[in-house]
Amino acid sequence: MKRPVLRGKPRPPLRRDPRFWAWPVAATLAGLGWYASESLRHRREGAFGYEVVEGIEAGSDGFMRAAEALTGHPINEGCEVELLVNGDRIFPAMLETIAGAERTLCLETYVYWKGDVAGEVAEAVCERARAGVECKVLVDALGAAQMESSLLEEMERAGAAVCRFRPPKPYALRRLTNRSHRRLLIADGRTGMTGGVGIAGEWEGDAKGPDEWRDSHLRVSGPVLRDMQGAFTEALCEAADRGVDVRIVVPGPHIDKGFVRTAGRAAYAELIEAGVQLYEFMPTMLHAKSLAVDERWAMVGTMNFDNRSFQLHDEVTLGVWDERFNERLRQSFEADLERCEAIRPGRWGRRPLRMRAAEGATRFIRREL
């Protein structure tokens, strides 16, 4: 006896079923709506700034007074500053600073990923916490998303106070992009460290290859620690127009986010036309954020040259007014130049059409990168 065959209207393939696309389309539209509102907010908030209309030499007292007035932060004198270049020097100093804490230890970082140093830092904090040192650890919930949760649990069990900065919550989506991009380490309120390095294997080594990122960090002592404890753009084209020697080193092919490099390259033509000399760092990821002006003024910190750092993230940058430190930073910069590829005006103007198209495609999101 044959079984009856049930016939009916055939069901369309899943890809053609409108219900299959409902949630992805709704999520995409919601994301675009959120992005549009955030972009408009950035543009409204970024409409105002400061402009120094009278030229002030960086080596003068007037420059320091202007910097103090514009930033709203007092100038600290009598500080000691040590420049540390790359992980081979930065991480030993970091572990030494942690081990030297006797009363209090504050650690704040945006990036806490994986690698040997991730475990070493956690172990060092645990040791100090067990010894009775008051340890406080603050990591950004998104920046440290790759971190092994067991490390935070170990620090908590050892007695450290551990907190994640702004974990994603449905009722706080508008603040999702407001991150803490700072890197701070403060021991006993006497010794502090800040700069661009994150706690991850990418920064280990001495920038000898693509797997060893190039970065700068500072170890400081003195009155500035009060500001660092409490903390827990150069006008480049205008400067070049005045005849200032402006040289910029940016990440090259080993950047961690290729589309950000493409978006940044869209500004090269304007900078080149203004007389700025551009260089791309070729051996590995360049993550350092440093600035040297004339023979006295220098800055090293966590802040990127983008609107997220300027308007959304919590950042920290240390300004140093000292000839010897400025010279040391300049020497580091010159050493980096030897490992860079210069962006030549003529050759840049002849770059392929596909590169121009990719740069143009980033136009509407460039402010948020």
Protein backbone atom coordinates (compact mmCIF):
# COMPACT_ATOMS: atom_id res chain seq x y z
CA MET A 1 0.00 0.00 0.00
CA LYS A 2 1.42 3.32 -1.07
CA ARG A 3 1.69 6.10 1.46
CA PRO A 4 -0.20 9.25 0.58
CA VAL A 5 1.96 12.04 -0.74
CA LEU A 6 1.28 15.38 0.89
CA ARG A 7 1.53 18.17 -1.59
CA GLY A 8 1.38 21.85 -0.89
CA LYS A 9 2.94 25.16 -1.71
CA PRO A 10 6.71 24.72 -1.61
CA ARG A 11 8.47 26.78 1.07
CA PRO A 12 10.89 29.32 -0.39
CA PRO A 13 14.56 28.85 0.36
CA LEU A 14 15.62 30.40 3.65
CA ARG A 15 17.60 33.13 1.94
CA ARG A 16 14.48 34.26 0.02
CA ASP A 17 12.20 34.23 3.04
CA PRO A 18 11.63 37.87 4.11
CA ARG A 19 11.51 36.76 7.74
CA PHE A 20 15.12 35.60 7.45
CA TRP A 21 16.27 39.17 6.82
CA ALA A 22 14.01 40.94 9.30
CA TRP A 23 16.33 40.89 12.33
CA PRO A 24 19.56 41.65 10.42
CA VAL A 25 17.93 44.58 8.66
CA ALA A 26 16.43 45.90 11.90
CA ALA A 27 19.78 45.61 13.68
CA THR A 28 21.57 47.33 10.80
CA LEU A 29 19.08 50.21 10.74
CA ALA A 30 19.31 50.60 14.50
CA GLY A 31 23.10 50.69 14.28
CA LEU A 32 23.03 53.28 11.49
CA GLY A 33 20.59 55.41 13.47
CA TRP A 34 22.79 55.27 16.55
CA TYR A 35 25.90 56.06 14.49
CA ALA A 36 24.19 59.04 12.83
CA SER A 37 23.11 60.51 16.17
CA GLU A 38 26.60 60.05 17.65
CA SER A 39 28.24 61.58 14.58
CA LEU A 40 25.99 64.64 14.76
CA ARG A 41 26.75 64.99 18.46
CA HIS A 42 30.48 64.89 17.80
CA ARG A 43 30.13 67.59 15.17
CA ARG A 44 28.13 69.84 17.49
CA GLU A 45 30.52 69.37 20.39
CA GLY A 46 33.60 69.75 18.22
CA ALA A 47 32.62 73.11 16.78
CA PHE A 48 34.62 75.13 19.30
CA GLY A 49 38.27 75.19 20.23
CA TYR A 50 41.23 77.38 21.04
CA GLU A 51 43.54 79.33 18.77
CA VAL A 52 46.78 81.04 19.75
CA VAL A 53 46.88 84.08 17.48
CA GLU A 54 50.30 85.35 18.62
CA GLY A 55 53.43 83.33 18.08
CA ILE A 56 54.98 82.06 21.33
CA GLU A 57 58.35 80.32 21.48
CA ALA A 58 58.22 76.89 23.10
CA GLY A 59 61.30 77.71 25.16
CA SER A 60 59.79 80.79 26.77
CA ASP A 61 57.99 81.24 30.07
CA GLY A 62 55.08 82.66 28.09
CA PHE A 63 54.60 79.31 26.38
CA MET A 64 54.28 77.56 29.70
CA ARG A 65 51.78 80.11 30.97
CA ALA A 66 49.74 79.74 27.75
CA ALA A 67 49.80 75.93 28.05
CA GLU A 68 48.68 76.21 31.65
CA ALA A 69 45.78 78.51 30.74
CA LEU A 70 44.61 76.51 27.71
CA THR A 71 44.75 73.10 29.35
CA GLY A 72 43.46 74.17 32.73
CA HIS A 73 46.23 72.23 34.47
CA PRO A 74 48.95 73.78 36.64
CA ILE A 75 52.60 73.50 35.68
CA ASN A 76 54.63 71.22 37.96
CA GLU A 77 58.32 71.92 38.46
CA GLY A 78 61.01 69.75 39.98
CA CYS A 79 59.92 66.45 38.42
CA GLU A 80 62.13 63.60 37.27
CA VAL A 81 61.17 61.97 33.96
CA GLU A 82 62.62 58.78 32.45
CA LEU A 83 61.88 57.86 28.83
CA LEU A 84 61.40 54.14 28.21
CA VAL A 85 61.30 52.82 24.64
CA ASN A 86 59.65 49.48 23.77
CA GLY A 87 58.62 46.55 25.91
CA ASP A 88 62.12 45.28 26.72
CA ARG A 89 62.59 48.41 28.85
CA ILE A 90 59.02 49.37 29.66
CA PHE A 91 57.77 46.13 31.21
CA PRO A 92 60.75 45.55 33.54
CA ALA A 93 60.30 49.11 34.81
CA MET A 94 56.57 48.51 35.23
CA LEU A 95 57.11 45.32 37.22
CA GLU A 96 59.79 47.08 39.28
CA THR A 97 57.42 49.95 40.05
CA ILE A 98 54.68 47.55 41.13
CA ALA A 99 57.08 45.56 43.30
CA GLY A 100 58.26 48.78 44.96
CA ALA A 101 54.79 49.83 46.16
CA GLU A 102 54.59 49.84 49.95
CA ARG A 103 51.23 51.46 50.73
CA THR A 104 49.10 52.06 47.62
CA LEU A 105 49.09 50.91 44.01
CA CYS A 106 46.82 52.21 41.24
CA LEU A 107 46.76 50.52 37.83
CA GLU A 108 44.53 51.78 35.02
CA THR A 109 44.74 50.53 31.44
CA TYR A 110 42.67 50.42 28.30
CA VAL A 111 44.44 47.43 26.76
CA TYR A 112 44.91 44.30 28.84
CA TRP A 113 45.08 41.35 26.46
CA LYS A 114 47.17 38.17 26.56
CA GLY A 115 50.81 37.18 26.59
CA ASP A 116 53.48 36.51 29.18
CA VAL A 117 53.41 40.07 30.48
CA ALA A 118 49.67 39.85 31.17
CA GLY A 119 50.27 37.10 33.70
CA GLU A 120 53.42 38.74 35.09
CA VAL A 121 51.64 42.02 35.83
CA ALA A 122 48.71 40.23 37.47
CA GLU A 123 51.08 38.13 39.56
CA ALA A 124 53.00 41.24 40.66
CA VAL A 125 49.77 42.98 41.71
CA CYS A 126 48.66 39.88 43.61
CA GLU A 127 51.96 39.75 45.49
CA ARG A 128 51.62 43.37 46.60
CA ALA A 129 47.97 42.90 47.58
CA ARG A 130 48.84 39.86 49.74
CA ALA A 131 51.58 41.95 51.36
CA GLY A 132 48.98 44.42 52.55
CA VAL A 133 49.35 47.09 49.86
CA GLU A 134 46.05 48.78 48.92
CA CYS A 135 45.77 47.84 45.24
CA LYS A 136 43.20 49.25 42.83
CA VAL A 137 42.90 47.98 39.26
CA LEU A 138 40.71 49.60 36.61
CA VAL A 139 40.46 48.11 33.11
CA ASP A 140 38.28 49.28 30.26
CA ALA A 141 35.52 46.74 29.65
CA LEU A 142 35.90 46.86 25.86
CA GLY A 143 39.65 47.46 25.63
CA ALA A 144 40.31 44.52 27.96
CA ALA A 145 37.71 42.23 26.38
CA GLN A 146 40.44 39.79 25.29
CA MET A 147 41.83 39.53 28.82
CA GLU A 148 41.58 36.20 30.58
CA SER A 149 38.96 36.69 33.29
CA SER A 150 40.94 34.38 35.56
CA LEU A 151 43.60 37.10 35.95
CA LEU A 152 41.06 39.56 37.33
CA GLU A 153 39.68 36.86 39.61
CA GLU A 154 43.17 36.09 40.93
CA MET A 155 43.79 39.76 41.71
CA GLU A 156 40.44 40.01 43.49
CA ARG A 157 41.14 36.91 45.57
CA ALA A 158 44.51 38.38 46.53
CA GLY A 159 42.72 41.44 47.95
CA ALA A 160 42.92 43.95 45.09
CA ALA A 161 39.91 46.11 44.25
CA VAL A 162 39.16 45.36 40.58
CA CYS A 163 36.70 47.27 38.42
CA ARG A 164 35.72 47.21 34.73
CA PHE A 165 35.14 50.65 33.21
CA ARG A 166 31.68 50.99 31.64
CA PRO A 167 30.75 47.44 30.67
CA PRO A 168 28.11 47.40 27.89
CA LYS A 169 24.57 47.73 29.25
CA PRO A 170 21.29 48.08 27.32
CA TYR A 171 20.33 51.26 29.15
CA ALA A 172 23.70 52.93 28.52
CA LEU A 173 24.28 52.36 24.80
CA ARG A 174 24.88 56.06 24.17
CA ARG A 175 27.92 55.88 26.42
CA LEU A 176 29.30 52.76 24.78
CA THR A 177 31.87 54.78 22.84
CA ASN A 178 32.99 56.77 25.89
CA ARG A 179 35.95 54.66 26.92
CA SER A 180 38.87 55.07 29.33
CA HIS A 181 41.86 55.00 26.99
CA ARG A 182 44.33 55.88 29.76
CA ARG A 183 47.40 53.95 30.89
CA LEU A 184 48.42 54.85 34.42
CA LEU A 185 50.48 53.13 37.07
CA ILE A 186 51.07 54.93 40.38
CA ALA A 187 52.93 53.49 43.37
CA ASP A 188 52.58 55.20 46.76
CA GLY A 189 51.81 58.50 45.06
CA ARG A 190 55.57 58.88 44.52
CA THR A 191 56.38 56.99 41.31
CA GLY A 192 54.17 56.91 38.25
CA MET A 193 54.15 55.55 34.71
CA THR A 194 52.15 56.55 31.66
CA GLY A 195 52.42 56.33 27.89
CA GLY A 196 51.11 54.33 25.00
CA VAL A 197 51.94 50.77 25.96
CA GLY A 198 49.22 48.24 26.73
CA ILE A 199 49.58 45.10 28.83
CA ALA A 200 49.77 42.50 26.07
CA GLY A 201 52.20 40.30 24.18
CA GLU A 202 52.09 42.66 21.19
CA TRP A 203 54.28 45.13 23.11
CA GLU A 204 56.88 42.58 24.28
CA GLY A 205 60.30 42.81 22.63
CA ASP A 206 62.15 45.72 21.02
CA ALA A 207 60.22 46.43 17.78
CA LYS A 208 62.46 44.07 15.82
CA GLY A 209 59.61 42.70 13.73
CA PRO A 210 55.88 42.92 13.01
CA ASP A 211 55.05 40.97 16.18
CA GLU A 212 56.85 43.46 18.45
CA TRP A 213 55.07 46.83 18.54
CA ARG A 214 56.98 50.11 18.85
CA ASP A 215 55.92 52.31 21.79
CA SER A 216 57.09 54.88 24.35
CA HIS A 217 56.38 55.12 28.06
CA LEU A 218 57.46 57.38 30.92
CA ARG A 219 58.41 56.78 34.52
CA VAL A 220 58.09 59.97 36.57
CA SER A 221 58.38 61.24 40.11
CA GLY A 222 57.76 64.57 41.76
CA PRO A 223 54.81 66.98 42.16
CA VAL A 224 53.18 65.87 38.88
CA LEU A 225 52.16 62.66 40.63
CA ARG A 226 49.40 64.64 42.35
CA ASP A 227 47.80 65.32 38.97
CA MET A 228 48.35 61.75 37.78
CA GLN A 229 46.77 60.44 40.91
CA GLY A 230 43.77 62.69 40.43
CA ALA A 231 43.42 61.85 36.78
CA PHE A 232 42.71 58.07 37.74
CA THR A 233 45.78 69.11 18.62
CA GLU A 234 48.92 70.74 17.77
CA ALA A 235 47.63 72.90 14.73
CA LEU A 236 49.92 71.04 12.30
CA CYS A 237 49.02 72.73 9.01
CA GLU A 238 49.14 76.23 10.52
CA ALA A 239 52.53 75.44 12.06
CA ALA A 240 53.88 74.28 8.70
CA ASP A 241 52.59 77.47 7.06
CA ARG A 242 54.75 79.46 9.51
CA GLY A 243 57.84 77.67 8.23
CA VAL A 244 58.06 75.26 11.14
CA ASP A 245 59.75 71.93 10.44
CA VAL A 246 56.81 69.55 11.01
CA ARG A 247 57.57 65.83 10.73
CA ILE A 248 54.98 63.16 11.47
CA VAL A 249 55.59 59.44 11.86
CA VAL A 250 52.47 57.29 11.56
CA PRO A 251 51.83 53.52 11.46
CA GLY A 252 52.67 51.75 8.23
CA PRO A 253 51.55 48.41 6.78
CA HIS A 254 51.54 46.61 10.14
CA ILE A 255 48.83 48.80 11.68
CA ASP A 256 46.32 46.80 13.70
CA LYS A 257 43.32 48.33 11.89
CA GLY A 258 43.91 48.71 8.17
CA PHE A 259 40.80 50.78 7.51
CA VAL A 260 42.02 53.41 10.00
CA ARG A 261 45.24 53.75 8.01
CA THR A 262 43.21 54.17 4.83
CA ALA A 263 41.09 56.88 6.45
CA GLY A 264 44.16 58.68 7.78
CA ARG A 265 45.82 58.64 4.37
CA ALA A 266 42.96 60.72 3.03
CA ALA A 267 44.46 63.68 4.93
CA TYR A 268 47.98 63.23 3.51
CA ALA A 269 47.47 65.50 0.50
CA GLU A 270 46.43 68.47 2.64
CA LEU A 271 49.35 67.96 5.03
CA ILE A 272 51.88 67.57 2.19
CA GLU A 273 50.57 70.71 0.50
CA ALA A 274 51.09 72.61 3.76
CA GLY A 275 54.72 71.47 3.90
CA VAL A 276 54.41 68.69 6.46
CA GLN A 277 56.86 65.79 6.07
CA LEU A 278 55.11 62.43 6.47
CA TYR A 279 56.69 59.07 7.26
CA GLU A 280 55.18 55.61 7.67
CA PHE A 281 56.84 53.26 10.18
CA MET A 282 57.54 50.02 8.33
CA PRO A 283 58.92 47.27 10.68
CA THR A 284 55.96 46.81 13.04
CA MET A 285 52.92 48.46 14.59
CA LEU A 286 53.74 52.02 15.76
CA HIS A 287 51.62 52.69 18.84
CA ALA A 288 53.62 55.54 20.42
CA LYS A 289 51.92 58.90 20.98
CA SER A 290 54.65 61.51 21.46
CA LEU A 291 55.36 65.11 20.45
CA ALA A 292 58.50 67.25 20.60
CA VAL A 293 58.35 71.02 20.03
CA ASP A 294 61.50 73.11 19.55
CA GLU A 295 64.12 72.28 22.19
CA ARG A 296 62.06 72.28 25.37
CA TRP A 297 58.44 71.10 25.13
CA ALA A 298 57.55 67.41 24.81
CA MET A 299 54.48 65.25 25.35
CA VAL A 300 53.99 61.49 25.76
CA GLY A 301 50.73 59.81 26.66
CA THR A 302 47.78 57.71 25.61
CA MET A 303 45.87 60.09 23.33
CA ASN A 304 45.51 59.35 19.63
CA PHE A 305 45.10 62.09 17.02
CA ASP A 306 41.42 61.40 16.49
CA ASN A 307 38.05 62.61 17.66
CA ARG A 308 37.47 59.60 19.89
CA SER A 309 40.46 60.56 22.01
CA PHE A 310 39.62 64.27 21.89
CA GLN A 311 35.90 63.99 22.69
CA LEU A 312 34.90 60.51 23.89
CA HIS A 313 37.67 58.69 25.73
CA ASP A 314 39.29 59.48 29.04
CA GLU A 315 42.96 60.03 28.27
CA VAL A 316 46.15 61.13 30.00
CA THR A 317 49.12 62.92 28.42
CA LEU A 318 52.17 64.17 30.30
CA GLY A 319 53.83 67.39 29.14
CA VAL A 320 57.54 67.82 29.90
CA TRP A 321 59.39 71.15 29.69
CA ASP A 322 63.01 70.07 29.78
CA GLU A 323 65.87 70.30 27.28
CA ARG A 324 67.49 66.98 28.13
CA PHE A 325 64.26 65.03 27.96
CA ASN A 326 63.29 66.74 24.70
CA GLU A 327 66.66 65.77 23.21
CA ARG A 328 66.20 62.15 24.30
CA LEU A 329 62.76 62.04 22.71
CA ARG A 330 64.14 63.61 19.54
CA GLN A 331 66.88 60.98 19.37
CA SER A 332 64.24 58.26 19.66
CA PHE A 333 62.26 59.97 16.89
CA GLU A 334 65.30 60.20 14.62
CA ALA A 335 66.03 56.50 15.19
CA ASP A 336 62.46 55.69 14.15
CA LEU A 337 62.84 57.77 10.98
CA GLU A 338 65.60 55.46 9.80
CA ARG A 339 63.05 52.63 9.79
CA CYS A 340 60.36 54.62 7.97
CA GLU A 341 59.30 55.16 4.40
CA ALA A 342 58.83 58.80 3.45
CA ILE A 343 55.63 59.88 1.70
CA ARG A 344 56.98 61.78 -1.32
CA PRO A 345 54.67 64.49 -2.72
CA GLY A 346 55.14 63.52 -6.37
CA ARG A 347 54.76 59.79 -5.86
CA TRP A 348 51.78 60.27 -3.54
CA GLY A 349 50.01 62.28 -6.24
CA ARG A 350 50.41 59.32 -8.61
CA ARG A 351 49.00 56.69 -6.26
CA PRO A 352 46.59 54.16 -7.83
CA LEU A 353 42.92 54.96 -8.35
CA ARG A 354 41.88 52.07 -6.07
CA MET A 355 43.71 53.72 -3.17
CA ARG A 356 41.99 57.04 -3.82
CA ALA A 357 38.62 55.30 -3.98
CA ALA A 358 39.24 53.51 -0.67
CA GLU A 359 40.26 56.78 1.00
CA GLY A 360 37.17 58.52 -0.36
CA ALA A 361 34.94 55.73 0.93
CA THR A 362 35.98 56.59 4.50
CA ARG A 363 34.91 60.22 4.21
CA PHE A 364 31.67 59.90 6.18
CA ILE A 365 33.16 57.91 9.05
CA ARG A 366 36.55 59.60 9.27
CA ARG A 367 35.62 61.77 12.25
CA GLU A 368 34.80 58.69 14.32
CA LEU A 369 37.97 56.68 13.51
